[in-house]
Amino acid sequence: MIDAKDYTKDQIEENIDHFIDHNEKEMLSTCCGWSALGNLHNIEGTWIGLCSKCCDHCDFEEEE
């Protein structure tokens, strides 16, 4: 993420996309492709949680 302390509010608003960290990807369910309902748990390298669409337990992967 870019350090925004040396920029004015107007500069940040005009170039907001440059100040957002694009490396952080959302975790999506493998069943429906939706986000998690609540917390995800990493069990032996596999992210597991509840799908916010079907409310079923499933694995989660980073979006592509």
PDB file of N, CA and C in Angstrom:
ATOM      1  N   MET A   1       0.848  -1.174   0.000  1.00  0.00           N
ATOM      2  CA  MET A   1       0.000   0.000   0.000  1.00  0.00           C
ATOM      3  C   MET A   1       0.892   1.235   0.000  1.00  0.00           C
ATOM      4  N   ILE A   2       0.447   2.274  -0.663  1.00  0.00           N
ATOM      5  CA  ILE A   2       1.187   3.528  -0.753  1.00  0.00           C
ATOM      6  C   ILE A   2       0.936   4.340   0.513  1.00  0.00           C
ATOM      7  N   ASP A   3       1.986   4.966   1.047  1.00  0.00           N
ATOM      8  CA  ASP A   3       1.857   5.832   2.211  1.00  0.00           C
ATOM      9  C   ASP A   3       1.228   7.144   1.756  1.00  0.00           C
ATOM     10  N   ALA A   4       0.064   7.463   2.259  1.00  0.00           N
ATOM     11  CA  ALA A   4      -0.697   8.615   1.786  1.00  0.00           C
ATOM     12  C   ALA A   4      -0.406   9.893   2.557  1.00  0.00           C
ATOM     13  N   LYS A   5       0.506   9.877   3.517  1.00  0.00           N
ATOM     14  CA  LYS A   5       0.705  11.053   4.368  1.00  0.00           C
ATOM     15  C   LYS A   5       1.267  12.261   3.620  1.00  0.00           C
ATOM     16  N   ASP A   6       1.926  12.049   2.491  1.00  0.00           N
ATOM     17  CA  ASP A   6       2.518  13.155   1.737  1.00  0.00           C
ATOM     18  C   ASP A   6       1.591  13.707   0.653  1.00  0.00           C
ATOM     19  N   TYR A   7       0.342  13.264   0.643  1.00  0.00           N
ATOM     20  CA  TYR A   7      -0.604  13.677  -0.395  1.00  0.00           C
ATOM     21  C   TYR A   7      -1.757  14.453   0.219  1.00  0.00           C
ATOM     22  N   THR A   8      -2.341  15.356  -0.580  1.00  0.00           N
ATOM     23  CA  THR A   8      -3.519  16.091  -0.115  1.00  0.00           C
ATOM     24  C   THR A   8      -4.755  15.214  -0.274  1.00  0.00           C
ATOM     25  N   LYS A   9      -5.818  15.608   0.392  1.00  0.00           N
ATOM     26  CA  LYS A   9      -7.085  14.874   0.299  1.00  0.00           C
ATOM     27  C   LYS A   9      -7.559  14.817  -1.156  1.00  0.00           C
ATOM     28  N   ASP A  10      -7.457  15.927  -1.872  1.00  0.00           N
ATOM     29  CA  ASP A  10      -7.894  15.970  -3.273  1.00  0.00           C
ATOM     30  C   ASP A  10      -7.078  15.024  -4.147  1.00  0.00           C
ATOM     31  N   GLN A  11      -5.761  14.978  -3.920  1.00  0.00           N
ATOM     32  CA  GLN A  11      -4.911  14.068  -4.697  1.00  0.00           C
ATOM     33  C   GLN A  11      -5.295  12.613  -4.443  1.00  0.00           C
ATOM     34  N   ILE A  12      -5.586  12.291  -3.195  1.00  0.00           N
ATOM     35  CA  ILE A  12      -5.973  10.924  -2.855  1.00  0.00           C
ATOM     36  C   ILE A  12      -7.308  10.572  -3.504  1.00  0.00           C
ATOM     37  N   GLU A  13      -8.284  11.469  -3.412  1.00  0.00           N
ATOM     38  CA  GLU A  13      -9.597  11.211  -3.998  1.00  0.00           C
ATOM     39  C   GLU A  13      -9.520  11.046  -5.512  1.00  0.00           C
ATOM     40  N   GLU A  14      -8.682  11.835  -6.177  1.00  0.00           N
ATOM     41  CA  GLU A  14      -8.550  11.753  -7.634  1.00  0.00           C
ATOM     42  C   GLU A  14      -7.844  10.469  -8.080  1.00  0.00           C
ATOM     43  N   ASN A  15      -7.002   9.925  -7.219  1.00  0.00           N
ATOM     44  CA  ASN A  15      -6.197   8.755  -7.583  1.00  0.00           C
ATOM     45  C   ASN A  15      -6.400   7.600  -6.608  1.00  0.00           C
ATOM     46  N   ILE A  16      -7.612   7.429  -6.137  1.00  0.00           N
ATOM     47  CA  ILE A  16      -7.893   6.450  -5.078  1.00  0.00           C
ATOM     48  C   ILE A  16      -7.460   5.036  -5.448  1.00  0.00           C
ATOM     49  N   ASP A  17      -7.563   4.668  -6.713  1.00  0.00           N
ATOM     50  CA  ASP A  17      -7.177   3.313  -7.126  1.00  0.00           C
ATOM     51  C   ASP A  17      -5.707   3.024  -6.850  1.00  0.00           C
ATOM     52  N   HIS A  18      -4.884   4.044  -6.893  1.00  0.00           N
ATOM     53  CA  HIS A  18      -3.454   3.853  -6.639  1.00  0.00           C
ATOM     54  C   HIS A  18      -3.151   3.676  -5.152  1.00  0.00           C
ATOM     55  N   PHE A  19      -4.085   4.059  -4.298  1.00  0.00           N
ATOM     56  CA  PHE A  19      -3.876   3.961  -2.859  1.00  0.00           C
ATOM     57  C   PHE A  19      -4.483   2.689  -2.266  1.00  0.00           C
ATOM     58  N   ILE A  20      -5.201   1.935  -3.054  1.00  0.00           N
ATOM     59  CA  ILE A  20      -5.819   0.696  -2.583  1.00  0.00           C
ATOM     60  C   ILE A  20      -4.864  -0.455  -2.821  1.00  0.00           C
ATOM     61  N   ASP A  21      -4.745  -1.328  -1.836  1.00  0.00           N
ATOM     62  CA  ASP A  21      -3.866  -2.493  -1.951  1.00  0.00           C
ATOM     63  C   ASP A  21      -4.567  -3.549  -2.797  1.00  0.00           C
ATOM     64  N   HIS A  22      -4.097  -3.743  -4.035  1.00  0.00           N
ATOM     65  CA  HIS A  22      -4.707  -4.714  -4.938  1.00  0.00           C
ATOM     66  C   HIS A  22      -4.167  -6.123  -4.714  1.00  0.00           C
ATOM     67  N   ASN A  23      -3.166  -6.277  -3.848  1.00  0.00           N
ATOM     68  CA  ASN A  23      -2.597  -7.597  -3.599  1.00  0.00           C
ATOM     69  C   ASN A  23      -3.451  -8.427  -2.658  1.00  0.00           C
ATOM     70  N   GLU A  24      -4.327  -7.785  -1.907  1.00  0.00           N
ATOM     71  CA  GLU A  24      -5.168  -8.504  -0.974  1.00  0.00           C
ATOM     72  C   GLU A  24      -6.407  -9.006  -1.711  1.00  0.00           C
ATOM     73  N   LYS A  25      -6.519 -10.303  -1.860  1.00  0.00           N
ATOM     74  CA  LYS A  25      -7.632 -10.885  -2.599  1.00  0.00           C
ATOM     75  C   LYS A  25      -8.690 -11.409  -1.638  1.00  0.00           C
ATOM     76  N   GLU A  26      -9.926 -11.354  -2.071  1.00  0.00           N
ATOM     77  CA  GLU A  26     -11.034 -11.831  -1.267  1.00  0.00           C
ATOM     78  C   GLU A  26     -11.085 -13.359  -1.310  1.00  0.00           C
ATOM     79  N   MET A  27     -11.460 -13.956  -0.189  1.00  0.00           N
ATOM     80  CA  MET A  27     -11.632 -15.402  -0.124  1.00  0.00           C
ATOM     81  C   MET A  27     -13.067 -15.728  -0.530  1.00  0.00           C
ATOM     82  N   LEU A  28     -13.213 -16.612  -1.533  1.00  0.00           N
ATOM     83  CA  LEU A  28     -14.530 -16.977  -2.040  1.00  0.00           C
ATOM     84  C   LEU A  28     -14.780 -18.468  -1.860  1.00  0.00           C
ATOM     85  N   SER A  29     -16.040 -18.831  -1.632  1.00  0.00           N
ATOM     86  CA  SER A  29     -16.398 -20.232  -1.428  1.00  0.00           C
ATOM     87  C   SER A  29     -16.216 -21.030  -2.715  1.00  0.00           C
ATOM     88  N   THR A  30     -15.844 -22.291  -2.577  1.00  0.00           N
ATOM     89  CA  THR A  30     -15.680 -23.150  -3.748  1.00  0.00           C
ATOM     90  C   THR A  30     -17.025 -23.674  -4.240  1.00  0.00           C
ATOM     91  N   CYS A  31     -18.072 -23.568  -3.419  1.00  0.00           N
ATOM     92  CA  CYS A  31     -19.384 -24.075  -3.840  1.00  0.00           C
ATOM     93  C   CYS A  31     -20.156 -23.070  -4.690  1.00  0.00           C
ATOM     94  N   CYS A  32     -20.232 -21.816  -4.224  1.00  0.00           N
ATOM     95  CA  CYS A  32     -21.049 -20.809  -4.904  1.00  0.00           C
ATOM     96  C   CYS A  32     -20.249 -19.602  -5.394  1.00  0.00           C
ATOM     97  N   GLY A  33     -18.996 -19.482  -4.944  1.00  0.00           N
ATOM     98  CA  GLY A  33     -18.188 -18.332  -5.333  1.00  0.00           C
ATOM     99  C   GLY A  33     -18.536 -17.071  -4.562  1.00  0.00           C
ATOM    100  N   TRP A  34     -19.133 -17.221  -3.388  1.00  0.00           N
ATOM    101  CA  TRP A  34     -19.513 -16.083  -2.564  1.00  0.00           C
ATOM    102  C   TRP A  34     -18.553 -15.944  -1.394  1.00  0.00           C
ATOM    103  N   SER A  35     -18.660 -14.834  -0.675  1.00  0.00           N
ATOM    104  CA  SER A  35     -17.811 -14.580   0.486  1.00  0.00           C
ATOM    105  C   SER A  35     -18.263 -15.418   1.682  1.00  0.00           C
ATOM    106  N   ALA A  36     -17.473 -15.367   2.729  1.00  0.00           N
ATOM    107  CA  ALA A  36     -17.766 -16.155   3.923  1.00  0.00           C
ATOM    108  C   ALA A  36     -18.800 -15.462   4.794  1.00  0.00           C
ATOM    109  N   LEU A  37     -19.587 -16.263   5.474  1.00  0.00           N
ATOM    110  CA  LEU A  37     -20.537 -15.784   6.465  1.00  0.00           C
ATOM    111  C   LEU A  37     -19.855 -15.994   7.815  1.00  0.00           C
ATOM    112  N   GLY A  38     -19.232 -14.951   8.328  1.00  0.00           N
ATOM    113  CA  GLY A  38     -18.476 -15.078   9.579  1.00  0.00           C
ATOM    114  C   GLY A  38     -17.006 -15.335   9.306  1.00  0.00           C
ATOM    115  N   ASN A  39     -16.337 -15.951  10.260  1.00  0.00           N
ATOM    116  CA  ASN A  39     -14.894 -16.166  10.190  1.00  0.00           C
ATOM    117  C   ASN A  39     -14.534 -17.418   9.407  1.00  0.00           C
ATOM    118  N   LEU A  40     -13.363 -17.361   8.775  1.00  0.00           N
ATOM    119  CA  LEU A  40     -12.783 -18.536   8.123  1.00  0.00           C
ATOM    120  C   LEU A  40     -11.742 -19.135   9.056  1.00  0.00           C
ATOM    121  N   HIS A  41     -11.562 -20.435   8.959  1.00  0.00           N
ATOM    122  CA  HIS A  41     -10.587 -21.140   9.780  1.00  0.00           C
ATOM    123  C   HIS A  41      -9.626 -21.888   8.864  1.00  0.00           C
ATOM    124  N   ASN A  42      -8.323 -21.746   9.129  1.00  0.00           N
ATOM    125  CA  ASN A  42      -7.309 -22.427   8.341  1.00  0.00           C
ATOM    126  C   ASN A  42      -6.950 -23.726   9.053  1.00  0.00           C
ATOM    127  N   ILE A  43      -7.343 -24.834   8.472  1.00  0.00           N
ATOM    128  CA  ILE A  43      -7.070 -26.156   9.035  1.00  0.00           C
ATOM    129  C   ILE A  43      -6.139 -26.888   8.083  1.00  0.00           C
ATOM    130  N   GLU A  44      -4.894 -27.045   8.528  1.00  0.00           N
ATOM    131  CA  GLU A  44      -3.866 -27.739   7.752  1.00  0.00           C
ATOM    132  C   GLU A  44      -3.743 -27.184   6.333  1.00  0.00           C
ATOM    133  N   GLY A  45      -3.790 -25.842   6.206  1.00  0.00           N
ATOM    134  CA  GLY A  45      -3.607 -25.188   4.918  1.00  0.00           C
ATOM    135  C   GLY A  45      -4.868 -25.009   4.092  1.00  0.00           C
ATOM    136  N   THR A  46      -6.002 -25.467   4.579  1.00  0.00           N
ATOM    137  CA  THR A  46      -7.275 -25.323   3.867  1.00  0.00           C
ATOM    138  C   THR A  46      -8.171 -24.363   4.634  1.00  0.00           C
ATOM    139  N   TRP A  47      -8.649 -23.341   3.936  1.00  0.00           N
ATOM    140  CA  TRP A  47      -9.564 -22.383   4.559  1.00  0.00           C
ATOM    141  C   TRP A  47     -10.983 -22.941   4.519  1.00  0.00           C
ATOM    142  N   ILE A  48     -11.637 -22.988   5.677  1.00  0.00           N
ATOM    143  CA  ILE A  48     -12.981 -23.575   5.800  1.00  0.00           C
ATOM    144  C   ILE A  48     -13.893 -22.574   6.505  1.00  0.00           C
ATOM    145  N   GLY A  49     -15.152 -22.509   6.051  1.00  0.00           N
ATOM    146  CA  GLY A  49     -16.121 -21.622   6.678  1.00  0.00           C
ATOM    147  C   GLY A  49     -17.503 -21.836   6.101  1.00  0.00           C
ATOM    148  N   LEU A  50     -18.408 -20.926   6.413  1.00  0.00           N
ATOM    149  CA  LEU A  50     -19.779 -20.987   5.904  1.00  0.00           C
ATOM    150  C   LEU A  50     -19.915 -20.082   4.687  1.00  0.00           C
ATOM    151  N   CYS A  51     -20.509 -20.598   3.642  1.00  0.00           N
ATOM    152  CA  CYS A  51     -20.792 -19.823   2.436  1.00  0.00           C
ATOM    153  C   CYS A  51     -21.954 -18.876   2.740  1.00  0.00           C
ATOM    154  N   SER A  52     -21.818 -17.607   2.363  1.00  0.00           N
ATOM    155  CA  SER A  52     -22.875 -16.630   2.642  1.00  0.00           C
ATOM    156  C   SER A  52     -24.090 -16.787   1.728  1.00  0.00           C
ATOM    157  N   LYS A  53     -23.995 -17.596   0.681  1.00  0.00           N
ATOM    158  CA  LYS A  53     -25.146 -17.810  -0.201  1.00  0.00           C
ATOM    159  C   LYS A  53     -25.955 -19.027   0.243  1.00  0.00           C
ATOM    160  N   CYS A  54     -25.303 -20.188   0.358  1.00  0.00           N
ATOM    161  CA  CYS A  54     -26.045 -21.417   0.667  1.00  0.00           C
ATOM    162  C   CYS A  54     -25.954 -21.824   2.143  1.00  0.00           C
ATOM    163  N   CYS A  55     -25.140 -21.094   2.921  1.00  0.00           N
ATOM    164  CA  CYS A  55     -24.965 -21.338   4.362  1.00  0.00           C
ATOM    165  C   CYS A  55     -24.457 -22.742   4.668  1.00  0.00           C
ATOM    166  N   ASP A  56     -23.727 -23.338   3.744  1.00  0.00           N
ATOM    167  CA  ASP A  56     -23.154 -24.668   3.915  1.00  0.00           C
ATOM    168  C   ASP A  56     -21.678 -24.534   4.258  1.00  0.00           C
ATOM    169  N   HIS A  57     -21.127 -25.497   5.015  1.00  0.00           N
ATOM    170  CA  HIS A  57     -19.688 -25.518   5.264  1.00  0.00           C
ATOM    171  C   HIS A  57     -18.972 -25.911   3.972  1.00  0.00           C
ATOM    172  N   CYS A  58     -17.880 -25.194   3.640  1.00  0.00           N
ATOM    173  CA  CYS A  58     -17.140 -25.498   2.433  1.00  0.00           C
ATOM    174  C   CYS A  58     -15.735 -24.925   2.522  1.00  0.00           C
ATOM    175  N   ASP A  59     -14.922 -25.232   1.536  1.00  0.00           N
ATOM    176  CA  ASP A  59     -13.578 -24.690   1.429  1.00  0.00           C
ATOM    177  C   ASP A  59     -13.657 -23.308   0.771  1.00  0.00           C
ATOM    178  N   PHE A  60     -12.647 -22.485   1.041  1.00  0.00           N
ATOM    179  CA  PHE A  60     -12.552 -21.156   0.447  1.00  0.00           C
ATOM    180  C   PHE A  60     -11.192 -21.008  -0.206  1.00  0.00           C
ATOM    181  N   GLU A  61     -11.178 -20.275  -1.328  1.00  0.00           N
ATOM    182  CA  GLU A  61      -9.947 -20.015  -2.062  1.00  0.00           C
ATOM    183  C   GLU A  61      -9.899 -18.525  -2.402  1.00  0.00           C
ATOM    184  N   GLU A  62      -8.670 -18.012  -2.629  1.00  0.00           N
ATOM    185  CA  GLU A  62      -8.529 -16.613  -3.040  1.00  0.00           C
ATOM    186  C   GLU A  62      -9.136 -16.414  -4.417  1.00  0.00           C
ATOM    187  N   GLU A  63      -9.791 -15.271  -4.611  1.00  0.00           N
ATOM    188  CA  GLU A  63     -10.340 -14.961  -5.926  1.00  0.00           C
ATOM    189  C   GLU A  63      -9.217 -14.834  -6.935  1.00  0.00           C
ATOM    190  N   GLU A  64      -9.517 -15.088  -8.194  1.00  0.00           N
ATOM    191  CA  GLU A  64      -8.499 -15.003  -9.250  1.00  0.00           C
ATOM    192  C   GLU A  64      -8.454 -13.637  -9.864  1.00  0.00           C
TER     193      GLU A  64
END
